[in-house]
């Protein structure tokens, strides 16, 4: 099912930040769970035909998620999220990085600072605003050139499907 709900993807070149605003047809508790529980997160995080698999996740301030994006040809691309702030059912922040299967950060790729906020919209809808800040414009350009917009947009569509199934 393709969602007809609002999605906005903008790039603020001056602030080196991507903003993604998206409304989901589900209550905030369920949307929060889909972003913060590995069993749900793995079901939507990757753009198909890729899959996400969490190796370890400690969703708390100072905790970490270590996960792989698994490709249809057996590819594995590892990443991690170091959680820096969590306000339950409202906001969480983390530093994202590419890494190896043991969590050793790949310094050839930039880290990004994610800020994810959840807001009730009424009528069983929840707005999610994601701000992804980079240190340098060239870092943000690299991520965009790697297909971030297309992949993240696809993954958010998979989240729509999961939320519909869970409702």
C-alpha atoms as a PDB file:
ATOM      1  CA  UNK A   1       0.000   0.000   0.000  1.00  0.00           C
ATOM      2  CA  UNK A   2       1.324   3.428  -0.908  1.00  0.00           C
ATOM      3  CA  UNK A   3       0.713   6.061   1.745  1.00  0.00           C
ATOM      4  CA  UNK A   4      -1.023   9.277   0.783  1.00  0.00           C
ATOM      5  CA  UNK A   5       0.142  10.930   3.992  1.00  0.00           C
ATOM      6  CA  UNK A   6       2.556  13.846   4.001  1.00  0.00           C
ATOM      7  CA  UNK A   7       6.271  13.382   3.339  1.00  0.00           C
ATOM      8  CA  UNK A   8       8.767  16.195   2.995  1.00  0.00           C
ATOM      9  CA  UNK A   9      12.477  15.699   2.208  1.00  0.00           C
ATOM     10  CA  UNK A  10      14.601  18.859   2.196  1.00  0.00           C
ATOM     11  CA  UNK A  11      18.299  19.640   2.303  1.00  0.00           C
ATOM     12  CA  UNK A  12      19.612  22.696   4.141  1.00  0.00           C
ATOM     13  CA  UNK A  13      22.981  23.225   2.471  1.00  0.00           C
ATOM     14  CA  UNK A  14      23.991  26.038   4.834  1.00  0.00           C
ATOM     15  CA  UNK A  15      23.398  23.902   7.942  1.00  0.00           C
ATOM     16  CA  UNK A  16      24.582  20.676   6.233  1.00  0.00           C
ATOM     17  CA  UNK A  17      21.356  18.984   7.339  1.00  0.00           C
ATOM     18  CA  UNK A  18      18.746  16.734   5.752  1.00  0.00           C
ATOM     19  CA  UNK A  19      15.204  17.141   7.080  1.00  0.00           C
ATOM     20  CA  UNK A  20      12.648  14.395   6.567  1.00  0.00           C
ATOM     21  CA  UNK A  21       9.118  14.962   7.831  1.00  0.00           C
ATOM     22  CA  UNK A  22       6.653  12.127   7.489  1.00  0.00           C
ATOM     23  CA  UNK A  23       3.153  11.437   8.836  1.00  0.00           C
ATOM     24  CA  UNK A  24       2.137   7.856   9.623  1.00  0.00           C
ATOM     25  CA  UNK A  25      -1.370   6.420  10.067  1.00  0.00           C
ATOM     26  CA  UNK A  26      -0.666   4.970  13.520  1.00  0.00           C
ATOM     27  CA  UNK A  27      -0.574   6.174  17.094  1.00  0.00           C
ATOM     28  CA  UNK A  28       2.644   7.456  18.598  1.00  0.00           C
ATOM     29  CA  UNK A  29       3.203   4.401  20.842  1.00  0.00           C
ATOM     30  CA  UNK A  30       3.287   2.074  17.834  1.00  0.00           C
ATOM     31  CA  UNK A  31       5.417   4.396  15.685  1.00  0.00           C
ATOM     32  CA  UNK A  32       7.873   4.849  18.587  1.00  0.00           C
ATOM     33  CA  UNK A  33       8.064   1.066  19.051  1.00  0.00           C
ATOM     34  CA  UNK A  34       8.784   0.568  15.332  1.00  0.00           C
ATOM     35  CA  UNK A  35      11.772   2.930  15.600  1.00  0.00           C
ATOM     36  CA  UNK A  36      13.123   1.635  18.917  1.00  0.00           C
ATOM     37  CA  UNK A  37      12.518  -2.126  19.119  1.00  0.00           C
ATOM     38  CA  UNK A  38      14.931  -4.233  17.046  1.00  0.00           C
ATOM     39  CA  UNK A  39      12.361  -6.910  16.144  1.00  0.00           C
ATOM     40  CA  UNK A  40      10.200  -4.206  14.495  1.00  0.00           C
ATOM     41  CA  UNK A  41      13.028  -1.963  13.264  1.00  0.00           C
ATOM     42  CA  UNK A  42      14.596  -4.821  11.295  1.00  0.00           C
ATOM     43  CA  UNK A  43      11.323  -5.367   9.433  1.00  0.00           C
ATOM     44  CA  UNK A  44      11.334  -1.952   7.747  1.00  0.00           C
ATOM     45  CA  UNK A  45      14.735  -0.240   8.024  1.00  0.00           C
ATOM     46  CA  UNK A  46      16.247  -1.512   4.749  1.00  0.00           C
ATOM     47  CA  UNK A  47      15.033  -0.709   1.232  1.00  0.00           C
ATOM     48  CA  UNK A  48      13.947  -3.923  -0.469  1.00  0.00           C
ATOM     49  CA  UNK A  49      15.343  -6.263  -1.627  1.00  0.00           C
ATOM     50  CA  UNK A  50      17.826  -5.496   1.169  1.00  0.00           C
ATOM     51  CA  UNK A  51      17.118  -6.612   4.742  1.00  0.00           C
ATOM     52  CA  UNK A  52      18.216  -5.193   8.082  1.00  0.00           C
ATOM     53  CA  UNK A  53      19.490  -7.444  10.875  1.00  0.00           C
ATOM     54  CA  UNK A  54      20.320  -6.154  14.334  1.00  0.00           C
ATOM     55  CA  UNK A  55      23.255  -7.917  15.955  1.00  0.00           C
ATOM     56  CA  UNK A  56      22.971  -6.029  19.253  1.00  0.00           C
ATOM     57  CA  UNK A  57      20.870  -3.151  20.538  1.00  0.00           C
ATOM     58  CA  UNK A  58      20.796  -1.359  23.878  1.00  0.00           C
ATOM     59  CA  UNK A  59      18.267   1.439  23.436  1.00  0.00           C
ATOM     60  CA  UNK A  60      19.324   3.794  26.213  1.00  0.00           C
ATOM     61  CA  UNK A  61      21.392   6.948  26.471  1.00  0.00           C
ATOM     62  CA  UNK A  62      24.968   5.759  25.991  1.00  0.00           C
ATOM     63  CA  UNK A  63      23.716   2.533  24.372  1.00  0.00           C
ATOM     64  CA  UNK A  64      24.277   1.325  20.833  1.00  0.00           C
ATOM     65  CA  UNK A  65      22.605  -0.502  17.969  1.00  0.00           C
ATOM     66  CA  UNK A  66      24.916  -2.575  15.755  1.00  0.00           C
ATOM     67  CA  UNK A  67      23.227  -3.822  12.606  1.00  0.00           C
ATOM     68  CA  UNK A  68      23.830  -4.989   9.050  1.00  0.00           C
ATOM     69  CA  UNK A  69      22.111  -4.179   5.799  1.00  0.00           C
ATOM     70  CA  UNK A  70      22.032  -7.477   3.929  1.00  0.00           C
ATOM     71  CA  UNK A  71      21.910  -7.457   0.133  1.00  0.00           C
ATOM     72  CA  UNK A  72      20.322  -9.984  -2.208  1.00  0.00           C
ATOM     73  CA  UNK A  73      23.771 -11.134  -3.426  1.00  0.00           C
ATOM     74  CA  UNK A  74      25.022 -11.807   0.115  1.00  0.00           C
ATOM     75  CA  UNK A  75      26.453  -8.302   0.671  1.00  0.00           C
ATOM     76  CA  UNK A  76      26.776  -7.058   4.243  1.00  0.00           C
ATOM     77  CA  UNK A  77      27.084  -3.372   5.066  1.00  0.00           C
ATOM     78  CA  UNK A  78      27.451  -2.759   8.800  1.00  0.00           C
ATOM     79  CA  UNK A  79      26.421   0.359  10.661  1.00  0.00           C
ATOM     80  CA  UNK A  80      25.901   1.510  14.196  1.00  0.00           C
ATOM     81  CA  UNK A  81      23.912   4.050  16.132  1.00  0.00           C
ATOM     82  CA  UNK A  82      25.392   5.486  19.355  1.00  0.00           C
ATOM     83  CA  UNK A  83      22.416   6.840  21.330  1.00  0.00           C
ATOM     84  CA  UNK A  84      23.178  10.246  22.834  1.00  0.00           C
ATOM     85  CA  UNK A  85      19.752  11.309  24.132  1.00  0.00           C
ATOM     86  CA  UNK A  86      16.359   9.669  24.657  1.00  0.00           C
ATOM     87  CA  UNK A  87      13.089  11.300  25.743  1.00  0.00           C
ATOM     88  CA  UNK A  88      10.601   8.396  25.715  1.00  0.00           C
ATOM     89  CA  UNK A  89       7.948   8.509  22.993  1.00  0.00           C
ATOM     90  CA  UNK A  90       9.033  12.027  22.041  1.00  0.00           C
ATOM     91  CA  UNK A  91      12.616  12.165  20.751  1.00  0.00           C
ATOM     92  CA  UNK A  92      15.880  10.300  20.476  1.00  0.00           C
ATOM     93  CA  UNK A  93      19.251  11.283  19.086  1.00  0.00           C
ATOM     94  CA  UNK A  94      22.203   9.261  17.933  1.00  0.00           C
ATOM     95  CA  UNK A  95      25.465   9.336  16.034  1.00  0.00           C
ATOM     96  CA  UNK A  96      25.378   7.083  12.989  1.00  0.00           C
ATOM     97  CA  UNK A  97      28.430   5.460  11.409  1.00  0.00           C
ATOM     98  CA  UNK A  98      29.458   2.776   8.978  1.00  0.00           C
ATOM     99  CA  UNK A  99      31.506   0.074  10.688  1.00  0.00           C
ATOM    100  CA  UNK A 100      32.541  -3.569  10.591  1.00  0.00           C
ATOM    101  CA  UNK A 101      30.685  -6.522  12.122  1.00  0.00           C
ATOM    102  CA  UNK A 102      32.373  -5.829  15.476  1.00  0.00           C
ATOM    103  CA  UNK A 103      31.398  -2.148  15.551  1.00  0.00           C
ATOM    104  CA  UNK A 104      34.804  -0.734  14.581  1.00  0.00           C
ATOM    105  CA  UNK A 105      33.982   2.553  12.839  1.00  0.00           C
ATOM    106  CA  UNK A 106      34.980   2.928   9.181  1.00  0.00           C
ATOM    107  CA  UNK A 107      36.732   6.312   9.150  1.00  0.00           C
ATOM    108  CA  UNK A 108      36.465   6.559   5.340  1.00  0.00           C
ATOM    109  CA  UNK A 109      32.789   7.486   5.718  1.00  0.00           C
ATOM    110  CA  UNK A 110      31.353  10.419   7.657  1.00  0.00           C
ATOM    111  CA  UNK A 111      29.335  10.086  10.836  1.00  0.00           C
ATOM    112  CA  UNK A 112      26.004  11.831  10.959  1.00  0.00           C
ATOM    113  CA  UNK A 113      24.046  13.208  13.897  1.00  0.00           C
ATOM    114  CA  UNK A 114      20.401  12.054  13.850  1.00  0.00           C
ATOM    115  CA  UNK A 115      17.605  13.797  15.763  1.00  0.00           C
ATOM    116  CA  UNK A 116      14.257  11.936  15.530  1.00  0.00           C
ATOM    117  CA  UNK A 117      11.088  13.535  16.974  1.00  0.00           C
ATOM    118  CA  UNK A 118       7.572  12.105  17.284  1.00  0.00           C
ATOM    119  CA  UNK A 119       4.405  14.241  17.497  1.00  0.00           C
ATOM    120  CA  UNK A 120       0.730  13.276  17.821  1.00  0.00           C
ATOM    121  CA  UNK A 121      -1.316  14.646  14.918  1.00  0.00           C
ATOM    122  CA  UNK A 122      -4.733  13.515  16.128  1.00  0.00           C
ATOM    123  CA  UNK A 123      -6.976  11.004  14.338  1.00  0.00           C
ATOM    124  CA  UNK A 124      -4.507   8.192  15.112  1.00  0.00           C
ATOM    125  CA  UNK A 125      -1.703   9.828  13.121  1.00  0.00           C
ATOM    126  CA  UNK A 126       1.883  10.521  14.161  1.00  0.00           C
ATOM    127  CA  UNK A 127       4.358  12.916  12.578  1.00  0.00           C
ATOM    128  CA  UNK A 128       8.028  12.001  12.613  1.00  0.00           C
ATOM    129  CA  UNK A 129      10.670  14.659  11.951  1.00  0.00           C
ATOM    130  CA  UNK A 130      14.194  13.433  11.271  1.00  0.00           C
ATOM    131  CA  UNK A 131      17.062  15.934  11.129  1.00  0.00           C
ATOM    132  CA  UNK A 132      20.387  14.452   9.990  1.00  0.00           C
ATOM    133  CA  UNK A 133      23.331  16.821  10.451  1.00  0.00           C
ATOM    134  CA  UNK A 134      26.766  16.382   8.923  1.00  0.00           C
ATOM    135  CA  UNK A 135      30.060  18.073   9.754  1.00  0.00           C
ATOM    136  CA  UNK A 136      30.814  19.065   6.150  1.00  0.00           C
ATOM    137  CA  UNK A 137      28.753  19.676   3.038  1.00  0.00           C
ATOM    138  CA  UNK A 138      30.899  17.124   1.179  1.00  0.00           C
ATOM    139  CA  UNK A 139      29.885  14.473   3.763  1.00  0.00           C
ATOM    140  CA  UNK A 140      26.212  15.163   3.119  1.00  0.00           C
ATOM    141  CA  UNK A 141      26.795  15.117  -0.647  1.00  0.00           C
ATOM    142  CA  UNK A 142      28.474  11.709  -0.352  1.00  0.00           C
ATOM    143  CA  UNK A 143      25.487  10.208   1.474  1.00  0.00           C
ATOM    144  CA  UNK A 144      23.015  11.667  -1.040  1.00  0.00           C
ATOM    145  CA  UNK A 145      25.099  10.324  -3.947  1.00  0.00           C
ATOM    146  CA  UNK A 146      25.032   6.880  -2.298  1.00  0.00           C
ATOM    147  CA  UNK A 147      21.224   6.924  -2.692  1.00  0.00           C
ATOM    148  CA  UNK A 148      20.158   7.927   0.810  1.00  0.00           C
ATOM    149  CA  UNK A 149      17.014   9.787  -0.276  1.00  0.00           C
ATOM    150  CA  UNK A 150      15.727   6.930  -2.414  1.00  0.00           C
ATOM    151  CA  UNK A 151      16.619   4.235   0.120  1.00  0.00           C
ATOM    152  CA  UNK A 152      15.198   6.064   3.150  1.00  0.00           C
ATOM    153  CA  UNK A 153      12.013   6.971   1.266  1.00  0.00           C
ATOM    154  CA  UNK A 154      11.565   3.299   0.338  1.00  0.00           C
ATOM    155  CA  UNK A 155      12.220   2.176   3.928  1.00  0.00           C
ATOM    156  CA  UNK A 156       9.623   4.630   5.264  1.00  0.00           C
ATOM    157  CA  UNK A 157       7.138   3.074   2.847  1.00  0.00           C
ATOM    158  CA  UNK A 158       7.946  -0.308   4.397  1.00  0.00           C
ATOM    159  CA  UNK A 159       7.273   1.251   7.801  1.00  0.00           C
ATOM    160  CA  UNK A 160       3.793   2.220   6.525  1.00  0.00           C
ATOM    161  CA  UNK A 161       3.180  -1.438   5.679  1.00  0.00           C
ATOM    162  CA  UNK A 162       4.423  -2.630   9.075  1.00  0.00           C
ATOM    163  CA  UNK A 163       2.267  -0.100  10.956  1.00  0.00           C
ATOM    164  CA  UNK A 164      -0.812  -1.120   8.970  1.00  0.00           C
ATOM    165  CA  UNK A 165      -0.107  -4.768   9.771  1.00  0.00           C
ATOM    166  CA  UNK A 166       0.464  -4.030  13.488  1.00  0.00           C
ATOM    167  CA  UNK A 167      -2.667  -1.829  13.876  1.00  0.00           C
END
